[in-house]
PDB file of N, CA and C in Angstrom:
ATOM      1  N   MET A   1     -63.545 -85.128 -40.139  1.00  0.00           N
ATOM      2  CA  MET A   1     -62.625 -85.865 -39.343  1.00  0.00           C
ATOM      3  C   MET A   1     -61.208 -85.374 -39.565  1.00  0.00           C
ATOM      4  N   CYS A   2     -60.981 -84.875 -40.652  1.00  0.00           N
ATOM      5  CA  CYS A   2     -59.655 -84.373 -40.975  1.00  0.00           C
ATOM      6  C   CYS A   2     -59.331 -83.210 -40.078  1.00  0.00           C
ATOM      7  N   GLY A   3     -60.341 -82.402 -39.774  1.00  0.00           N
ATOM      8  CA  GLY A   3     -60.143 -81.259 -38.894  1.00  0.00           C
ATOM      9  C   GLY A   3     -59.850 -81.710 -37.479  1.00  0.00           C
ATOM     10  N   ASP A   4     -60.540 -82.830 -37.056  1.00  0.00           N
ATOM     11  CA  ASP A   4     -60.279 -83.327 -35.705  1.00  0.00           C
ATOM     12  C   ASP A   4     -58.862 -83.885 -35.595  1.00  0.00           C
ATOM     13  N   ASN A   5     -58.403 -84.533 -36.626  1.00  0.00           N
ATOM     14  CA  ASN A   5     -57.056 -85.108 -36.652  1.00  0.00           C
ATOM     15  C   ASN A   5     -56.018 -83.983 -36.611  1.00  0.00           C
ATOM     16  N   LEU A   6     -56.265 -82.943 -37.366  1.00  0.00           N
ATOM     17  CA  LEU A   6     -55.372 -81.786 -37.404  1.00  0.00           C
ATOM     18  C   LEU A   6     -55.377 -81.068 -36.065  1.00  0.00           C
ATOM     19  N   ASN A   7     -56.555 -80.984 -35.518  1.00  0.00           N
ATOM     20  CA  ASN A   7     -56.712 -80.337 -34.221  1.00  0.00           C
ATOM     21  C   ASN A   7     -55.982 -81.118 -33.136  1.00  0.00           C
ATOM     22  N   SER A   8     -56.095 -82.428 -33.133  1.00  0.00           N
ATOM     23  CA  SER A   8     -55.448 -83.268 -32.129  1.00  0.00           C
ATOM     24  C   SER A   8     -53.926 -83.250 -32.321  1.00  0.00           C
ATOM     25  N   THR A   9     -53.454 -83.156 -33.587  1.00  0.00           N
ATOM     26  CA  THR A   9     -52.015 -83.050 -33.846  1.00  0.00           C
ATOM     27  C   THR A   9     -51.488 -81.715 -33.330  1.00  0.00           C
ATOM     28  N   PHE A  10     -52.253 -80.679 -33.577  1.00  0.00           N
ATOM     29  CA  PHE A  10     -51.874 -79.344 -33.107  1.00  0.00           C
ATOM     30  C   PHE A  10     -51.814 -79.296 -31.581  1.00  0.00           C
ATOM     31  N   ILE A  11     -52.815 -79.930 -30.951  1.00  0.00           N
ATOM     32  CA  ILE A  11     -52.867 -79.969 -29.491  1.00  0.00           C
ATOM     33  C   ILE A  11     -51.711 -80.798 -28.950  1.00  0.00           C
ATOM     34  N   ALA A  12     -51.378 -81.901 -29.612  1.00  0.00           N
ATOM     35  CA  ALA A  12     -50.268 -82.756 -29.180  1.00  0.00           C
ATOM     36  C   ALA A  12     -48.955 -82.003 -29.295  1.00  0.00           C
ATOM     37  N   ASN A  13     -48.767 -81.292 -30.429  1.00  0.00           N
ATOM     38  CA  ASN A  13     -47.546 -80.502 -30.611  1.00  0.00           C
ATOM     39  C   ASN A  13     -47.470 -79.383 -29.562  1.00  0.00           C
ATOM     40  N   ALA A  14     -48.577 -78.725 -29.339  1.00  0.00           N
ATOM     41  CA  ALA A  14     -48.615 -77.639 -28.357  1.00  0.00           C
ATOM     42  C   ALA A  14     -48.330 -78.191 -26.969  1.00  0.00           C
ATOM     43  N   SER A  15     -48.881 -79.365 -26.672  1.00  0.00           N
ATOM     44  CA  SER A  15     -48.674 -79.987 -25.369  1.00  0.00           C
ATOM     45  C   SER A  15     -47.205 -80.370 -25.189  1.00  0.00           C
ATOM     46  N   SER A  16     -46.577 -80.913 -26.225  1.00  0.00           N
ATOM     47  CA  SER A  16     -45.164 -81.297 -26.127  1.00  0.00           C
ATOM     48  C   SER A  16     -44.284 -80.048 -25.998  1.00  0.00           C
ATOM     49  N   GLN A  17     -44.647 -78.969 -26.693  1.00  0.00           N
ATOM     50  CA  GLN A  17     -43.888 -77.725 -26.575  1.00  0.00           C
ATOM     51  C   GLN A  17     -44.034 -77.133 -25.167  1.00  0.00           C
ATOM     52  N   ILE A  18     -45.260 -77.226 -24.632  1.00  0.00           N
ATOM     53  CA  ILE A  18     -45.494 -76.718 -23.281  1.00  0.00           C
ATOM     54  C   ILE A  18     -44.674 -77.530 -22.281  1.00  0.00           C
ATOM     55  N   ASP A  19     -44.661 -78.865 -22.467  1.00  0.00           N
ATOM     56  CA  ASP A  19     -43.855 -79.718 -21.590  1.00  0.00           C
ATOM     57  C   ASP A  19     -42.369 -79.363 -21.713  1.00  0.00           C
ATOM     58  N   SER A  20     -41.930 -79.130 -22.935  1.00  0.00           N
ATOM     59  CA  SER A  20     -40.534 -78.750 -23.170  1.00  0.00           C
ATOM     60  C   SER A  20     -40.218 -77.421 -22.478  1.00  0.00           C
ATOM     61  N   TYR A  21     -41.111 -76.450 -22.602  1.00  0.00           N
ATOM     62  CA  TYR A  21     -40.912 -75.152 -21.944  1.00  0.00           C
ATOM     63  C   TYR A  21     -40.905 -75.294 -20.423  1.00  0.00           C
ATOM     64  N   LEU A  22     -41.810 -76.153 -19.910  1.00  0.00           N
ATOM     65  CA  LEU A  22     -41.861 -76.363 -18.464  1.00  0.00           C
ATOM     66  C   LEU A  22     -40.568 -76.998 -17.956  1.00  0.00           C
ATOM     67  N   LYS A  23     -40.019 -77.959 -18.699  1.00  0.00           N
ATOM     68  CA  LYS A  23     -38.757 -78.581 -18.307  1.00  0.00           C
ATOM     69  C   LYS A  23     -37.613 -77.561 -18.350  1.00  0.00           C
ATOM     70  N   GLN A  24     -37.640 -76.738 -19.380  1.00  0.00           N
ATOM     71  CA  GLN A  24     -36.606 -75.715 -19.521  1.00  0.00           C
ATOM     72  C   GLN A  24     -36.707 -74.694 -18.368  1.00  0.00           C
ATOM     73  N   ILE A  25     -37.931 -74.321 -18.011  1.00  0.00           N
ATOM     74  CA  ILE A  25     -38.140 -73.378 -16.907  1.00  0.00           C
ATOM     75  C   ILE A  25     -37.687 -74.006 -15.593  1.00  0.00           C
ATOM     76  N   GLN A  26     -38.013 -75.298 -15.399  1.00  0.00           N
ATOM     77  CA  GLN A  26     -37.584 -75.979 -14.180  1.00  0.00           C
ATOM     78  C   GLN A  26     -36.060 -76.067 -14.105  1.00  0.00           C
ATOM     79  N   ASN A  27     -35.429 -76.347 -15.241  1.00  0.00           N
ATOM     80  CA  ASN A  27     -33.954 -76.376 -15.273  1.00  0.00           C
ATOM     81  C   ASN A  27     -33.377 -75.000 -14.924  1.00  0.00           C
ATOM     82  N   ASN A  28     -33.964 -73.962 -15.505  1.00  0.00           N
ATOM     83  CA  ASN A  28     -33.489 -72.597 -15.223  1.00  0.00           C
ATOM     84  C   ASN A  28     -33.655 -72.252 -13.742  1.00  0.00           C
ATOM     85  N   ILE A  29     -34.810 -72.641 -13.177  1.00  0.00           N
ATOM     86  CA  ILE A  29     -35.059 -72.358 -11.768  1.00  0.00           C
ATOM     87  C   ILE A  29     -34.055 -73.103 -10.895  1.00  0.00           C
ATOM     88  N   SER A  30     -33.799 -74.368 -11.200  1.00  0.00           N
ATOM     89  CA  SER A  30     -32.834 -75.140 -10.396  1.00  0.00           C
ATOM     90  C   SER A  30     -31.418 -74.568 -10.561  1.00  0.00           C
ATOM     91  N   MET A  31     -31.090 -74.135 -11.789  1.00  0.00           N
ATOM     92  CA  MET A  31     -29.774 -73.525 -12.015  1.00  0.00           C
ATOM     93  C   MET A  31     -29.669 -72.201 -11.265  1.00  0.00           C
ATOM     94  N   GLN A  32     -30.754 -71.436 -11.223  1.00  0.00           N
ATOM     95  CA  GLN A  32     -30.735 -70.168 -10.499  1.00  0.00           C
ATOM     96  C   GLN A  32     -30.597 -70.408  -9.000  1.00  0.00           C
ATOM     97  N   GLY A  33     -31.217 -71.473  -8.515  1.00  0.00           N
ATOM     98  CA  GLY A  33     -31.081 -71.811  -7.099  1.00  0.00           C
ATOM     99  C   GLY A  33     -29.634 -72.113  -6.753  1.00  0.00           C
ATOM    100  N   VAL A  34     -28.974 -72.880  -7.614  1.00  0.00           N
ATOM    101  CA  VAL A  34     -27.567 -73.188  -7.412  1.00  0.00           C
ATOM    102  C   VAL A  34     -26.757 -71.904  -7.521  1.00  0.00           C
ATOM    103  N   SER A  35     -27.079 -71.081  -8.494  1.00  0.00           N
ATOM    104  CA  SER A  35     -26.357 -69.831  -8.682  1.00  0.00           C
ATOM    105  C   SER A  35     -26.539 -68.918  -7.478  1.00  0.00           C
ATOM    106  N   LEU A  36     -27.770 -68.888  -6.926  1.00  0.00           N
ATOM    107  CA  LEU A  36     -28.002 -68.048  -5.761  1.00  0.00           C
ATOM    108  C   LEU A  36     -27.215 -68.537  -4.557  1.00  0.00           C
ATOM    109  N   SER A  37     -27.158 -69.856  -4.372  1.00  0.00           N
ATOM    110  CA  SER A  37     -26.381 -70.373  -3.239  1.00  0.00           C
ATOM    111  C   SER A  37     -24.891 -70.119  -3.456  1.00  0.00           C
ATOM    112  N   GLU A  38     -24.435 -70.258  -4.691  1.00  0.00           N
ATOM    113  CA  GLU A  38     -23.038 -69.962  -4.998  1.00  0.00           C
ATOM    114  C   GLU A  38     -22.747 -68.478  -4.775  1.00  0.00           C
ATOM    115  N   LEU A  39     -23.689 -67.629  -5.188  1.00  0.00           N
ATOM    116  CA  LEU A  39     -23.516 -66.191  -4.975  1.00  0.00           C
ATOM    117  C   LEU A  39     -23.482 -65.866  -3.482  1.00  0.00           C
ATOM    118  N   GLY A  40     -24.343 -66.550  -2.717  1.00  0.00           N
ATOM    119  CA  GLY A  40     -24.343 -66.338  -1.268  1.00  0.00           C
ATOM    120  C   GLY A  40     -23.006 -66.735  -0.651  1.00  0.00           C
ATOM    121  N   ASP A  41     -22.472 -67.884  -1.098  1.00  0.00           N
ATOM    122  CA  ASP A  41     -21.167 -68.329  -0.594  1.00  0.00           C
ATOM    123  C   ASP A  41     -20.071 -67.346  -0.982  1.00  0.00           C
ATOM    124  N   LYS A  42     -20.094 -66.916  -2.229  1.00  0.00           N
ATOM    125  CA  LYS A  42     -19.100 -65.947  -2.707  1.00  0.00           C
ATOM    126  C   LYS A  42     -19.203 -64.647  -1.920  1.00  0.00           C
ATOM    127  N   ASN A  43     -20.450 -64.220  -1.693  1.00  0.00           N
ATOM    128  CA  ASN A  43     -20.677 -62.986  -0.946  1.00  0.00           C
ATOM    129  C   ASN A  43     -20.102 -63.108   0.463  1.00  0.00           C
ATOM    130  N   GLU A  44     -20.311 -64.249   1.100  1.00  0.00           N
ATOM    131  CA  GLU A  44     -19.783 -64.472   2.446  1.00  0.00           C
ATOM    132  C   GLU A  44     -18.252 -64.465   2.437  1.00  0.00           C
ATOM    133  N   GLN A  45     -17.671 -65.095   1.438  1.00  0.00           N
ATOM    134  CA  GLN A  45     -16.211 -65.115   1.323  1.00  0.00           C
ATOM    135  C   GLN A  45     -15.664 -63.701   1.113  1.00  0.00           C
ATOM    136  N   LEU A  46     -16.319 -62.959   0.241  1.00  0.00           N
ATOM    137  CA  LEU A  46     -15.878 -61.582  -0.012  1.00  0.00           C
ATOM    138  C   LEU A  46     -16.016 -60.718   1.235  1.00  0.00           C
ATOM    139  N   TYR A  47     -17.096 -60.931   1.983  1.00  0.00           N
ATOM    140  CA  TYR A  47     -17.291 -60.175   3.222  1.00  0.00           C
ATOM    141  C   TYR A  47     -16.185 -60.486   4.223  1.00  0.00           C
ATOM    142  N   GLN A  48     -15.836 -61.775   4.341  1.00  0.00           N
ATOM    143  CA  GLN A  48     -14.757 -62.161   5.253  1.00  0.00           C
ATOM    144  C   GLN A  48     -13.425 -61.553   4.802  1.00  0.00           C
ATOM    145  N   LYS A  49     -13.165 -61.578   3.507  1.00  0.00           N
ATOM    146  CA  LYS A  49     -11.928 -60.987   2.990  1.00  0.00           C
ATOM    147  C   LYS A  49     -11.904 -59.481   3.241  1.00  0.00           C
ATOM    148  N   GLN A  50     -13.051 -58.848   3.092  1.00  0.00           N
ATOM    149  CA  GLN A  50     -13.137 -57.406   3.346  1.00  0.00           C
ATOM    150  C   GLN A  50     -12.853 -57.110   4.816  1.00  0.00           C
ATOM    151  N   GLN A  51     -13.385 -57.929   5.710  1.00  0.00           N
ATOM    152  CA  GLN A  51     -13.133 -57.731   7.141  1.00  0.00           C
ATOM    153  C   GLN A  51     -11.649 -57.903   7.452  1.00  0.00           C
ATOM    154  N   ILE A  52     -11.041 -58.913   6.850  1.00  0.00           N
ATOM    155  CA  ILE A  52      -9.603 -59.141   7.050  1.00  0.00           C
ATOM    156  C   ILE A  52      -8.814 -57.945   6.539  1.00  0.00           C
ATOM    157  N   GLN A  53      -9.193 -57.458   5.370  1.00  0.00           N
ATOM    158  CA  GLN A  53      -8.493 -56.316   4.781  1.00  0.00           C
ATOM    159  C   GLN A  53      -8.667 -55.066   5.653  1.00  0.00           C
ATOM    160  N   LEU A  54      -9.861 -54.846   6.179  1.00  0.00           N
ATOM    161  CA  LEU A  54     -10.087 -53.695   7.061  1.00  0.00           C
ATOM    162  C   LEU A  54      -9.250 -53.806   8.332  1.00  0.00           C
ATOM    163  N   ASN A  55      -9.156 -55.019   8.878  1.00  0.00           N
ATOM    164  CA  ASN A  55      -8.319 -55.229  10.056  1.00  0.00           C
ATOM    165  C   ASN A  55      -6.854 -54.956   9.747  1.00  0.00           C
ATOM    166  N   GLN A  56      -6.409 -55.388   8.577  1.00  0.00           N
ATOM    167  CA  GLN A  56      -5.021 -55.150   8.184  1.00  0.00           C
ATOM    168  C   GLN A  56      -4.760 -53.656   7.996  1.00  0.00           C
ATOM    169  N   ILE A  57      -5.706 -52.954   7.407  1.00  0.00           N
ATOM    170  CA  ILE A  57      -5.556 -51.509   7.224  1.00  0.00           C
ATOM    171  C   ILE A  57      -5.483 -50.816   8.573  1.00  0.00           C
ATOM    172  N   LYS A  58      -6.311 -51.257   9.514  1.00  0.00           N
ATOM    173  CA  LYS A  58      -6.287 -50.667  10.857  1.00  0.00           C
ATOM    174  C   LYS A  58      -4.950 -50.929  11.527  1.00  0.00           C
ATOM    175  N   GLU A  59      -4.428 -52.136  11.394  1.00  0.00           N
ATOM    176  CA  GLU A  59      -3.128 -52.463  11.974  1.00  0.00           C
ATOM    177  C   GLU A  59      -2.025 -51.615  11.345  1.00  0.00           C
ATOM    178  N   ILE A  60      -2.101 -51.407  10.040  1.00  0.00           N
ATOM    179  CA  ILE A  60      -1.108 -50.574   9.358  1.00  0.00           C
ATOM    180  C   ILE A  60      -1.178 -49.141   9.873  1.00  0.00           C
ATOM    181  N   GLU A  61      -2.389 -48.618  10.040  1.00  0.00           N
ATOM    182  CA  GLU A  61      -2.545 -47.257  10.561  1.00  0.00           C
ATOM    183  C   GLU A  61      -1.988 -47.155  11.979  1.00  0.00           C
ATOM    184  N   ASP A  62      -2.240 -48.175  12.801  1.00  0.00           N
ATOM    185  CA  ASP A  62      -1.712 -48.167  14.165  1.00  0.00           C
ATOM    186  C   ASP A  62      -0.186 -48.189  14.148  1.00  0.00           C
ATOM    187  N   LYS A  63       0.381 -48.994  13.263  1.00  0.00           N
ATOM    188  CA  LYS A  63       1.848 -49.055  13.164  1.00  0.00           C
ATOM    189  C   LYS A  63       2.418 -47.739  12.646  1.00  0.00           C
ATOM    190  N   GLU A  64       1.714 -47.086  11.732  1.00  0.00           N
ATOM    191  CA  GLU A  64       2.169 -45.783  11.241  1.00  0.00           C
ATOM    192  C   GLU A  64       2.161 -44.757  12.373  1.00  0.00           C
ATOM    193  N   LYS A  65       1.102 -44.776  13.200  1.00  0.00           N
ATOM    194  CA  LYS A  65       1.043 -43.861  14.345  1.00  0.00           C
ATOM    195  C   LYS A  65       2.195 -44.129  15.304  1.00  0.00           C
ATOM    196  N   LEU A  66       2.457 -45.402  15.571  1.00  0.00           N
ATOM    197  CA  LEU A  66       3.550 -45.767  16.458  1.00  0.00           C
ATOM    198  C   LEU A  66       4.885 -45.312  15.884  1.00  0.00           C
ATOM    199  N   LEU A  67       5.061 -45.509  14.583  1.00  0.00           N
ATOM    200  CA  LEU A  67       6.297 -45.085  13.927  1.00  0.00           C
ATOM    201  C   LEU A  67       6.461 -43.573  13.998  1.00  0.00           C
ATOM    202  N   LEU A  68       5.379 -42.824  13.783  1.00  0.00           N
ATOM    203  CA  LEU A  68       5.450 -41.366  13.887  1.00  0.00           C
ATOM    204  C   LEU A  68       5.803 -40.936  15.312  1.00  0.00           C
ATOM    205  N   THR A  69       5.206 -41.599  16.293  1.00  0.00           N
ATOM    206  CA  THR A  69       5.497 -41.278  17.683  1.00  0.00           C
ATOM    207  C   THR A  69       6.966 -41.536  17.994  1.00  0.00           C
ATOM    208  N   ARG A  70       7.458 -42.668  17.548  1.00  0.00           N
ATOM    209  CA  ARG A  70       8.862 -43.001  17.799  1.00  0.00           C
ATOM    210  C   ARG A  70       9.801 -42.046  17.068  1.00  0.00           C
ATOM    211  N   SER A  71       9.438 -41.657  15.857  1.00  0.00           N
ATOM    212  CA  SER A  71      10.297 -40.721  15.129  1.00  0.00           C
ATOM    213  C   SER A  71      10.306 -39.355  15.815  1.00  0.00           C
ATOM    214  N   ARG A  72       9.160 -38.931  16.378  1.00  0.00           N
ATOM    215  CA  ARG A  72       9.122 -37.678  17.140  1.00  0.00           C
ATOM    216  C   ARG A  72       9.994 -37.783  18.386  1.00  0.00           C
ATOM    217  N   MET A  73       9.895 -38.917  19.079  1.00  0.00           N
ATOM    218  CA  MET A  73      10.715 -39.108  20.265  1.00  0.00           C
ATOM    219  C   MET A  73      12.195 -39.095  19.909  1.00  0.00           C
ATOM    220  N   LEU A  74      12.552 -39.710  18.800  1.00  0.00           N
ATOM    221  CA  LEU A  74      13.944 -39.710  18.341  1.00  0.00           C
ATOM    222  C   LEU A  74      14.393 -38.297  18.008  1.00  0.00           C
ATOM    223  N   GLN A  75      13.536 -37.519  17.363  1.00  0.00           N
ATOM    224  CA  GLN A  75      13.871 -36.136  17.024  1.00  0.00           C
ATOM    225  C   GLN A  75      14.089 -35.307  18.288  1.00  0.00           C
ATOM    226  N   ILE A  76      13.225 -35.501  19.294  1.00  0.00           N
ATOM    227  CA  ILE A  76      13.379 -34.780  20.563  1.00  0.00           C
ATOM    228  C   ILE A  76      14.700 -35.172  21.231  1.00  0.00           C
ATOM    229  N   SER A  77      15.004 -36.456  21.211  1.00  0.00           N
ATOM    230  CA  SER A  77      16.247 -36.937  21.805  1.00  0.00           C
ATOM    231  C   SER A  77      17.457 -36.345  21.085  1.00  0.00           C
ATOM    232  N   GLN A  78      17.396 -36.296  19.764  1.00  0.00           N
ATOM    233  CA  GLN A  78      18.497 -35.713  18.999  1.00  0.00           C
ATOM    234  C   GLN A  78      18.637 -34.223  19.305  1.00  0.00           C
ATOM    235  N   ASP A  79      17.528 -33.530  19.445  1.00  0.00           N
ATOM    236  CA  ASP A  79      17.581 -32.108  19.783  1.00  0.00           C
ATOM    237  C   ASP A  79      18.206 -31.905  21.161  1.00  0.00           C
ATOM    238  N   ARG A  80      17.838 -32.754  22.127  1.00  0.00           N
ATOM    239  CA  ARG A  80      18.430 -32.660  23.466  1.00  0.00           C
ATOM    240  C   ARG A  80      19.932 -32.907  23.414  1.00  0.00           C
ATOM    241  N   ASN A  81      20.318 -33.923  22.659  1.00  0.00           N
ATOM    242  CA  ASN A  81      21.748 -34.229  22.544  1.00  0.00           C
ATOM    243  C   ASN A  81      22.496 -33.075  21.893  1.00  0.00           C
ATOM    244  N   ALA A  82      21.907 -32.470  20.881  1.00  0.00           N
ATOM    245  CA  ALA A  82      22.544 -31.330  20.217  1.00  0.00           C
ATOM    246  C   ALA A  82      22.682 -30.169  21.199  1.00  0.00           C
ATOM    247  N   TYR A  83      21.668 -29.940  22.010  1.00  0.00           N
ATOM    248  CA  TYR A  83      21.719 -28.860  23.010  1.00  0.00           C
ATOM    249  C   TYR A  83      22.822 -29.138  24.032  1.00  0.00           C
ATOM    250  N   LYS A  84      22.907 -30.400  24.492  1.00  0.00           N
ATOM    251  CA  LYS A  84      23.947 -30.765  25.454  1.00  0.00           C
ATOM    252  C   LYS A  84      25.335 -30.571  24.857  1.00  0.00           C
ATOM    253  N   LYS A  85      25.499 -30.932  23.573  1.00  0.00           N
ATOM    254  CA  LYS A  85      26.792 -30.732  22.915  1.00  0.00           C
ATOM    255  C   LYS A  85      27.136 -29.248  22.844  1.00  0.00           C
ATOM    256  N   LYS A  86      26.148 -28.419  22.536  1.00  0.00           N
ATOM    257  CA  LYS A  86      26.401 -26.980  22.477  1.00  0.00           C
ATOM    258  C   LYS A  86      26.839 -26.452  23.836  1.00  0.00           C
ATOM    259  N   VAL A  87      26.186 -26.901  24.902  1.00  0.00           N
ATOM    260  CA  VAL A  87      26.552 -26.459  26.248  1.00  0.00           C
ATOM    261  C   VAL A  87      27.961 -26.912  26.587  1.00  0.00           C
ATOM    262  N   ILE A  88      28.281 -28.159  26.298  1.00  0.00           N
ATOM    263  CA  ILE A  88      29.621 -28.686  26.594  1.00  0.00           C
ATOM    264  C   ILE A  88      30.679 -27.931  25.804  1.00  0.00           C
ATOM    265  N   TYR A  89      30.446 -27.715  24.506  1.00  0.00           N
ATOM    266  CA  TYR A  89      31.424 -26.985  23.693  1.00  0.00           C
ATOM    267  C   TYR A  89      31.559 -25.536  24.180  1.00  0.00           C
ATOM    268  N   SER A  90      30.463 -24.951  24.617  1.00  0.00           N
ATOM    269  CA  SER A  90      30.534 -23.581  25.150  1.00  0.00           C
ATOM    270  C   SER A  90      31.380 -23.544  26.421  1.00  0.00           C
ATOM    271  N   LEU A  91      31.188 -24.517  27.317  1.00  0.00           N
ATOM    272  CA  LEU A  91      31.986 -24.578  28.544  1.00  0.00           C
ATOM    273  C   LEU A  91      33.461 -24.784  28.236  1.00  0.00           C
ATOM    274  N   ILE A  92      33.743 -25.652  27.295  1.00  0.00           N
ATOM    275  CA  ILE A  92      35.136 -25.880  26.900  1.00  0.00           C
ATOM    276  C   ILE A  92      35.736 -24.598  26.331  1.00  0.00           C
ATOM    277  N   ALA A  93      34.965 -23.880  25.519  1.00  0.00           N
ATOM    278  CA  ALA A  93      35.452 -22.616  24.952  1.00  0.00           C
ATOM    279  C   ALA A  93      35.702 -21.594  26.050  1.00  0.00           C
ATOM    280  N   VAL A  94      34.837 -21.503  27.056  1.00  0.00           N
ATOM    281  CA  VAL A  94      35.035 -20.565  28.164  1.00  0.00           C
ATOM    282  C   VAL A  94      36.277 -20.939  28.959  1.00  0.00           C
ATOM    283  N   ILE A  95      36.467 -22.238  29.205  1.00  0.00           N
ATOM    284  CA  ILE A  95      37.659 -22.689  29.937  1.00  0.00           C
ATOM    285  C   ILE A  95      38.924 -22.334  29.159  1.00  0.00           C
ATOM    286  N   PHE A  96      38.932 -22.583  27.848  1.00  0.00           N
ATOM    287  CA  PHE A  96      40.097 -22.213  27.032  1.00  0.00           C
ATOM    288  C   PHE A  96      40.310 -20.707  27.029  1.00  0.00           C
ATOM    289  N   ALA A  97      39.232 -19.938  26.977  1.00  0.00           N
ATOM    290  CA  ALA A  97      39.366 -18.479  26.986  1.00  0.00           C
ATOM    291  C   ALA A  97      39.988 -18.015  28.298  1.00  0.00           C
ATOM    292  N   ILE A  98      39.541 -18.598  29.411  1.00  0.00           N
ATOM    293  CA  ILE A  98      40.117 -18.237  30.716  1.00  0.00           C
ATOM    294  C   ILE A  98      41.586 -18.637  30.773  1.00  0.00           C
ATOM    295  N   PHE A  99      41.891 -19.819  30.243  1.00  0.00           N
ATOM    296  CA  PHE A  99      43.285 -20.286  30.234  1.00  0.00           C
ATOM    297  C   PHE A  99      44.164 -19.361  29.397  1.00  0.00           C
ATOM    298  N   ILE A 100      43.689 -19.017  28.217  1.00  0.00           N
ATOM    299  CA  ILE A 100      44.463 -18.121  27.342  1.00  0.00           C
ATOM    300  C   ILE A 100      44.600 -16.742  27.995  1.00  0.00           C
ATOM    301  N   PHE A 101      43.522 -16.253  28.577  1.00  0.00           N
ATOM    302  CA  PHE A 101      43.569 -14.949  29.261  1.00  0.00           C
ATOM    303  C   PHE A 101      44.583 -14.993  30.408  1.00  0.00           C
ATOM    304  N   THR A 102      44.614 -16.096  31.154  1.00  0.00           N
ATOM    305  CA  THR A 102      45.569 -16.253  32.242  1.00  0.00           C
ATOM    306  C   THR A 102      47.001 -16.266  31.710  1.00  0.00           C
ATOM    307  N   LEU A 103      47.233 -16.979  30.602  1.00  0.00           N
ATOM    308  CA  LEU A 103      48.567 -17.006  30.005  1.00  0.00           C
ATOM    309  C   LEU A 103      48.997 -15.620  29.530  1.00  0.00           C
ATOM    310  N   VAL A 104      48.080 -14.917  28.913  1.00  0.00           N
ATOM    311  CA  VAL A 104      48.403 -13.564  28.437  1.00  0.00           C
ATOM    312  C   VAL A 104      48.731 -12.667  29.619  1.00  0.00           C
ATOM    313  N   MET A 105      47.959 -12.736  30.677  1.00  0.00           N
ATOM    314  CA  MET A 105      48.227 -11.920  31.869  1.00  0.00           C
ATOM    315  C   MET A 105      49.579 -12.295  32.478  1.00  0.00           C
ATOM    316  N   TYR A 106      49.858 -13.616  32.500  1.00  0.00           N
ATOM    317  CA  TYR A 106      51.134 -14.070  33.039  1.00  0.00           C
ATOM    318  C   TYR A 106      52.297 -13.531  32.214  1.00  0.00           C
ATOM    319  N   VAL A 107      52.173 -13.628  30.887  1.00  0.00           N
ATOM    320  CA  VAL A 107      53.236 -13.129  30.008  1.00  0.00           C
ATOM    321  C   VAL A 107      53.391 -11.636  30.200  1.00  0.00           C
ATOM    322  N   LEU A 108      52.310 -10.895  30.248  1.00  0.00           N
ATOM    323  CA  LEU A 108      52.402  -9.448  30.448  1.00  0.00           C
ATOM    324  C   LEU A 108      53.001  -9.121  31.815  1.00  0.00           C
ATOM    325  N   PHE A 109      52.645  -9.879  32.838  1.00  0.00           N
ATOM    326  CA  PHE A 109      53.190  -9.660  34.171  1.00  0.00           C
ATOM    327  C   PHE A 109      54.688  -9.927  34.184  1.00  0.00           C
ATOM    328  N   ILE A 110      55.106 -11.012  33.525  1.00  0.00           N
ATOM    329  CA  ILE A 110      56.531 -11.358  33.454  1.00  0.00           C
ATOM    330  C   ILE A 110      57.281 -10.262  32.719  1.00  0.00           C
ATOM    331  N   ARG A 111      56.737  -9.757  31.628  1.00  0.00           N
ATOM    332  CA  ARG A 111      57.399  -8.689  30.867  1.00  0.00           C
ATOM    333  C   ARG A 111      57.504  -7.419  31.727  1.00  0.00           C
ATOM    334  N   LYS A 112      56.429  -7.128  32.399  1.00  0.00           N
ATOM    335  CA  LYS A 112      56.444  -5.942  33.250  1.00  0.00           C
ATOM    336  C   LYS A 112      57.467  -6.101  34.349  1.00  0.00           C
ATOM    337  N   MET A 113      57.560  -7.296  34.903  1.00  0.00           N
ATOM    338  CA  MET A 113      58.553  -7.577  35.929  1.00  0.00           C
ATOM    339  C   MET A 113      59.954  -7.536  35.347  1.00  0.00           C
ATOM    340  N   GLY A 114      60.082  -7.994  34.110  1.00  0.00           N
ATOM    341  CA  GLY A 114      61.374  -7.967  33.449  1.00  0.00           C
ATOM    342  C   GLY A 114      61.813  -6.535  33.184  1.00  0.00           C
ATOM    343  N   ILE A 115      60.870  -5.707  32.784  1.00  0.00           N
ATOM    344  CA  ILE A 115      61.176  -4.309  32.512  1.00  0.00           C
ATOM    345  C   ILE A 115      61.484  -3.601  33.841  1.00  0.00           C
ATOM    346  N   SER A 116      60.835  -3.942  34.906  1.00  0.00           N
ATOM    347  CA  SER A 116      61.104  -3.327  36.214  1.00  0.00           C
ATOM    348  C   SER A 116      62.472  -3.712  36.731  1.00  0.00           C
ATOM    349  N   ASN A 117      62.863  -4.922  36.477  1.00  0.00           N
ATOM    350  CA  ASN A 117      64.162  -5.400  36.954  1.00  0.00           C
ATOM    351  C   ASN A 117      65.291  -4.710  36.183  1.00  0.00           C
ATOM    352  N   ILE A 118      65.061  -4.383  34.949  1.00  0.00           N
ATOM    353  CA  ILE A 118      66.077  -3.739  34.133  1.00  0.00           C
ATOM    354  C   ILE A 118      66.294  -2.324  34.652  1.00  0.00           C
ATOM    355  N   LYS A 119      65.335  -1.650  35.065  1.00  0.00           N
ATOM    356  CA  LYS A 119      65.472  -0.263  35.524  1.00  0.00           C
ATOM    357  C   LYS A 119      66.101  -0.265  36.849  1.00  0.00           C
TER     358      LYS A 119
END
């Protein structure tokens, strides 16, 4: 009978340990379920943030392209203005050259006339 008592105690202890393990496994499973749903929510949030970030990067790239286009247009405009200034300054220089040439011819003509009058 002593063996039966020992056997029943062993079975009772084993049964309580099995129940304890089953409760622990059930707790772990329920915690994993919560963790999986939390991970799913986090994953969805991260995906949305990634989409927002990709959209922002695309907008930045579009603005950079626009800025480059505008800077090229500004450079072309500045080049045109510089060309126009060169043409205007060249015309002014030609006009002054003609004026100076006319004055020199006038002075030489007057001197020649002065020398002719003396003779």
